[in-house]
């Protein structure tokens, strides 16, 4: 696979826009619209776009945060630091509250959207990796092929599905985002994002972002692709990775039907 040198990051979107990104058979096509700055110290675990604002959850014990980030500059506009014994993971918004998953602590932290004031927490089954809202339900990944759905009112699990590509389970599902009814998921240590049917778990397609991984981070085992945020007004998706210096704005060349 072609590698991307850091000094070519600015030129890449123009190249991709002109000739299109290269993808393996069966992959979904996209093009890069813009390359934006991203905090290279952010160990990105969750990414969320809401009402024109970009929110981010970062991980690592003693370094985990909840942030509002300036989309254009990457500047941290405000942040809440988690206690040192909590490891931040996936991020979702529901009813004017932010919900931040934690890794091994088996709890979801709840915050006021406007102030970041902590409003408590509730338990979740197993490890926490990714979190999103689909059809007024929380959907969480735990690093396996299983996705669990929770009722926001009761906080109880109501069903689960297994993500599969054909007959093969798709393991190590990580950050999650709902894009026009589909569930998109990062796959840990994979440069691709899988599009999943939330009703059946069936893989609907793949997006191959291997050409976008910064070359200087290619040898880092943890600086992986992780972070998907969707803007429904523009139908564009923002992607980044752990400790990546860039955030990509992409659009589907053949978007999913609304």
Protein backbone atom coordinates (compact mmCIF):
# COMPACT_ATOMS: atom_id res chain seq x y z
CA UNK A 1 0.00 0.00 0.00
CA UNK A 2 1.16 3.49 -0.81
CA UNK A 3 2.46 5.40 2.20
CA UNK A 4 1.92 9.08 2.85
CA UNK A 5 4.87 11.30 3.77
CA UNK A 6 4.08 14.01 6.29
CA UNK A 7 5.32 16.75 3.97
CA UNK A 8 2.69 15.74 1.40
CA UNK A 9 -0.30 16.03 3.75
CA UNK A 10 -1.43 19.35 2.31
CA UNK A 11 -1.11 18.21 -1.30
CA UNK A 12 -2.92 14.92 -0.79
CA UNK A 13 -6.53 16.18 -0.85
CA UNK A 14 -5.96 17.82 -4.25
CA UNK A 15 -4.47 14.62 -5.61
CA UNK A 16 -7.31 12.48 -4.32
CA UNK A 17 -9.93 14.89 -5.56
CA UNK A 18 -8.43 14.73 -9.01
CA UNK A 19 -7.96 10.99 -9.37
CA UNK A 20 -9.91 9.41 -6.50
CA UNK A 21 -8.64 7.22 -3.66
CA UNK A 22 -7.48 3.69 -4.48
CA UNK A 23 -9.50 0.91 -2.87
CA UNK A 24 -9.51 -2.87 -2.90
CA UNK A 25 -12.31 -4.80 -4.52
CA UNK A 26 -15.63 -4.29 -2.74
CA UNK A 27 -14.54 -1.12 -0.94
CA UNK A 28 -16.60 2.08 -0.86
CA UNK A 29 -15.32 5.10 -2.77
CA UNK A 30 -14.63 8.47 -1.17
CA UNK A 31 -12.61 11.61 -1.76
CA UNK A 32 -10.76 13.92 0.62
CA UNK A 33 -12.21 17.43 0.66
CA UNK A 34 -9.90 19.07 3.20
CA UNK A 35 -6.98 18.32 5.49
CA UNK A 36 -7.32 20.06 8.87
CA UNK A 37 -5.02 20.35 11.92
CA UNK A 38 -5.45 17.94 14.83
CA UNK A 39 -3.75 17.86 18.23
CA UNK A 40 -0.97 15.24 17.94
CA UNK A 41 -1.12 14.73 21.71
CA UNK A 42 -4.75 13.62 21.52
CA UNK A 43 -5.08 9.85 21.98
CA UNK A 44 -8.39 9.94 20.12
CA UNK A 45 -11.01 7.47 21.27
CA UNK A 46 -14.26 9.17 20.27
CA UNK A 47 -15.20 11.91 17.82
CA UNK A 48 -18.55 13.71 17.48
CA UNK A 49 -19.93 16.55 15.33
CA UNK A 50 -23.04 18.34 16.65
CA UNK A 51 -24.61 21.70 15.77
CA UNK A 52 -21.48 22.89 14.03
CA UNK A 53 -19.19 21.89 16.91
CA UNK A 54 -16.60 19.14 17.12
CA UNK A 55 -16.29 17.13 20.35
CA UNK A 56 -13.59 14.60 21.18
CA UNK A 57 -12.89 11.96 23.81
CA UNK A 58 -9.24 11.14 24.48
CA UNK A 59 -7.83 8.21 26.38
CA UNK A 60 -4.92 6.93 28.52
CA UNK A 61 -4.95 6.79 32.30
CA UNK A 62 -4.07 10.17 33.77
CA UNK A 63 -4.54 11.90 30.39
CA UNK A 64 -8.16 11.23 29.42
CA UNK A 65 -10.30 14.25 28.51
CA UNK A 66 -13.60 15.41 27.08
CA UNK A 67 -13.02 18.29 24.65
CA UNK A 68 -14.67 20.80 22.39
CA UNK A 69 -12.28 21.44 19.50
CA UNK A 70 -12.07 24.19 16.89
CA UNK A 71 -12.63 22.33 13.64
CA UNK A 72 -10.57 24.73 11.53
CA UNK A 73 -7.51 25.09 13.78
CA UNK A 74 -7.53 22.04 16.06
CA UNK A 75 -7.44 24.35 19.10
CA UNK A 76 -8.95 23.01 22.33
CA UNK A 77 -11.76 25.43 23.16
CA UNK A 78 -12.66 23.78 26.47
CA UNK A 79 -12.06 20.49 28.16
CA UNK A 80 -12.88 18.37 31.18
CA UNK A 81 -10.15 16.12 32.57
CA UNK A 82 -11.24 12.69 33.78
CA UNK A 83 -10.03 11.27 37.11
CA UNK A 84 -6.71 9.47 36.78
CA UNK A 85 -8.34 6.07 37.27
CA UNK A 86 -10.67 6.48 34.27
CA UNK A 87 -9.70 5.77 30.64
CA UNK A 88 -11.86 7.71 28.15
CA UNK A 89 -13.27 5.89 25.13
CA UNK A 90 -16.28 6.36 22.77
CA UNK A 91 -18.46 9.48 22.78
CA UNK A 92 -22.14 10.11 21.96
CA UNK A 93 -24.78 12.80 22.45
CA UNK A 94 -28.40 12.28 23.45
CA UNK A 95 -30.99 14.75 24.74
CA UNK A 96 -28.47 17.57 25.28
CA UNK A 97 -26.14 15.37 27.26
CA UNK A 98 -22.74 13.95 26.36
CA UNK A 99 -22.03 10.32 27.14
CA UNK A 100 -18.41 9.21 27.41
CA UNK A 101 -17.57 5.54 27.56
CA UNK A 102 -14.73 4.23 29.72
CA UNK A 103 -12.50 1.29 28.89
CA UNK A 104 -12.20 -1.21 31.75
CA UNK A 105 -14.23 0.61 34.37
CA UNK A 106 -17.58 -0.56 32.86
CA UNK A 107 -19.26 2.82 33.29
CA UNK A 108 -20.51 5.60 31.02
CA UNK A 109 -19.88 9.15 32.22
CA UNK A 110 -22.68 11.69 31.68
CA UNK A 111 -22.11 15.45 31.16
CA UNK A 112 -24.16 18.57 30.55
CA UNK A 113 -23.61 19.51 26.90
CA UNK A 114 -23.29 23.26 27.51
CA UNK A 115 -21.05 23.24 30.59
CA UNK A 116 -19.31 19.81 30.60
CA UNK A 117 -20.52 19.52 34.20
CA UNK A 118 -20.50 15.85 35.30
CA UNK A 119 -24.02 14.54 35.90
CA UNK A 120 -23.17 11.06 37.10
CA UNK A 121 -22.63 7.70 35.42
CA UNK A 122 -24.25 4.34 34.77
CA UNK A 123 -22.91 0.79 34.29
CA UNK A 124 -22.38 -0.99 30.98
CA UNK A 125 -21.58 -4.61 30.15
CA UNK A 126 -17.90 -5.45 29.66
CA UNK A 127 -15.18 -3.24 28.26
CA UNK A 128 -16.04 0.05 26.54
CA UNK A 129 -14.56 0.86 23.12
CA UNK A 130 -17.00 2.78 20.90
CA UNK A 131 -20.34 4.50 21.51
CA UNK A 132 -23.01 5.99 19.23
CA UNK A 133 -26.76 6.66 19.04
CA UNK A 134 -28.88 4.70 16.56
CA UNK A 135 -32.67 4.90 16.45
CA UNK A 136 -32.79 6.50 19.92
CA UNK A 137 -30.68 3.74 21.43
CA UNK A 138 -27.10 3.64 22.63
CA UNK A 139 -24.95 1.18 20.70
CA UNK A 140 -21.61 0.15 22.19
CA UNK A 141 -18.64 -1.89 21.03
CA UNK A 142 -16.37 -3.83 23.38
CA UNK A 143 -13.48 -4.90 21.13
CA UNK A 144 -15.20 -8.05 19.90
CA UNK A 145 -17.60 -8.55 16.98
CA UNK A 146 -20.56 -7.92 19.30
CA UNK A 147 -22.49 -4.64 19.31
CA UNK A 148 -24.90 -4.07 22.23
CA UNK A 149 -27.89 -1.73 22.16
CA UNK A 150 -29.14 0.03 25.32
CA UNK A 151 -32.36 1.82 26.18
CA UNK A 152 -31.41 5.43 27.19
CA UNK A 153 -34.26 5.55 29.72
CA UNK A 154 -33.53 2.33 31.60
CA UNK A 155 -29.83 2.02 30.66
CA UNK A 156 -30.50 -1.69 30.15
CA UNK A 157 -29.28 -3.80 27.24
CA UNK A 158 -32.16 -4.56 24.86
CA UNK A 159 -30.45 -6.55 22.11
CA UNK A 160 -27.12 -7.35 20.47
CA UNK A 161 -25.83 -8.17 17.00
CA UNK A 162 -22.66 -9.75 15.63
CA UNK A 163 -20.87 -7.81 12.89
CA UNK A 164 -20.01 -10.12 9.98
CA UNK A 165 -18.43 -9.86 6.56
CA UNK A 166 -20.08 -12.80 4.89
CA UNK A 167 -19.76 -15.60 7.44
CA UNK A 168 -16.68 -14.11 9.11
CA UNK A 169 -17.12 -12.13 12.37
CA UNK A 170 -15.49 -8.69 12.30
CA UNK A 171 -13.58 -8.52 15.58
CA UNK A 172 -11.95 -5.59 17.39
CA UNK A 173 -14.71 -3.12 16.53
CA UNK A 174 -13.70 0.22 18.00
CA UNK A 175 -14.95 3.82 17.53
CA UNK A 176 -18.54 4.01 16.21
CA UNK A 177 -20.58 6.55 14.27
CA UNK A 178 -24.03 6.50 12.67
CA UNK A 179 -23.96 7.77 9.09
CA UNK A 180 -27.35 8.06 7.37
CA UNK A 181 -28.77 5.03 9.13
CA UNK A 182 -25.65 2.89 8.79
CA UNK A 183 -23.27 2.10 11.61
CA UNK A 184 -19.65 2.86 10.76
CA UNK A 185 -16.88 1.32 12.85
CA UNK A 186 -13.13 1.59 13.08
CA UNK A 187 -11.44 -1.79 13.33
CA UNK A 188 -8.48 -1.71 15.71
CA UNK A 189 -5.11 -2.05 13.95
CA UNK A 190 -6.85 -1.87 10.57
CA UNK A 191 -6.70 1.09 8.19
CA UNK A 192 -10.30 0.50 7.13
CA UNK A 193 -13.73 1.52 8.37
CA UNK A 194 -16.56 -0.99 8.01
CA UNK A 195 -20.16 0.02 7.22
CA UNK A 196 -22.57 -2.16 9.18
CA UNK A 197 -26.32 -2.77 8.96
CA UNK A 198 -27.50 -2.01 12.55
CA UNK A 199 -30.39 -4.46 12.24
CA UNK A 200 -28.48 -7.52 11.04
CA UNK A 201 -24.79 -6.85 11.66
CA UNK A 202 -24.05 -7.47 7.97
CA UNK A 203 -21.10 -5.56 6.48
CA UNK A 204 -22.41 -3.24 3.77
CA UNK A 205 -18.97 -2.14 2.56
CA UNK A 206 -15.52 -0.93 3.57
CA UNK A 207 -13.64 2.35 3.33
CA UNK A 208 -9.90 1.92 2.94
CA UNK A 209 -7.96 4.82 4.48
CA UNK A 210 -4.50 3.24 4.30
CA UNK A 211 -3.27 6.01 1.99
CA UNK A 212 -4.08 8.61 4.64
CA UNK A 213 -2.09 7.21 7.57
CA UNK A 214 0.78 9.64 8.32
CA UNK A 215 4.02 7.91 7.37
CA UNK A 216 5.78 9.04 10.53
CA UNK A 217 3.21 7.15 12.61
CA UNK A 218 3.05 4.00 10.53
CA UNK A 219 5.45 2.13 12.80
CA UNK A 220 3.61 3.07 15.99
CA UNK A 221 1.38 0.19 17.06
CA UNK A 222 -1.08 2.49 18.86
CA UNK A 223 -1.22 5.49 16.49
CA UNK A 224 -4.05 3.80 14.62
CA UNK A 225 -6.99 5.13 12.65
CA UNK A 226 -9.64 5.98 15.27
CA UNK A 227 -12.24 8.71 15.19
CA UNK A 228 -15.31 9.14 12.97
CA UNK A 229 -17.68 12.14 13.10
CA UNK A 230 -20.56 12.85 10.71
CA UNK A 231 -22.05 16.22 9.70
CA UNK A 232 -25.59 15.54 8.40
CA UNK A 233 -25.94 19.05 6.96
CA UNK A 234 -23.04 18.64 4.53
CA UNK A 235 -23.13 14.81 4.43
CA UNK A 236 -19.39 14.84 5.11
CA UNK A 237 -17.40 12.70 7.50
CA UNK A 238 -14.40 13.67 9.63
CA UNK A 239 -11.78 11.02 10.39
CA UNK A 240 -8.53 10.99 12.34
CA UNK A 241 -6.40 8.67 14.44
CA UNK A 242 -4.69 8.38 17.79
CA UNK A 243 -1.97 11.06 17.99
CA UNK A 244 -2.49 12.02 14.37
CA UNK A 245 -1.53 15.62 13.46
CA UNK A 246 -4.33 15.78 10.88
CA UNK A 247 -8.11 15.49 10.63
CA UNK A 248 -9.59 14.62 7.23
CA UNK A 249 -12.90 15.86 5.87
CA UNK A 250 -14.20 13.34 3.36
CA UNK A 251 -17.27 12.80 1.23
CA UNK A 252 -18.62 9.69 -0.34
CA UNK A 253 -18.40 9.72 -4.12
CA UNK A 254 -21.50 7.52 -4.10
CA UNK A 255 -23.13 8.37 -0.72
CA UNK A 256 -25.46 5.90 0.99
CA UNK A 257 -29.12 6.55 0.23
CA UNK A 258 -30.80 8.67 2.96
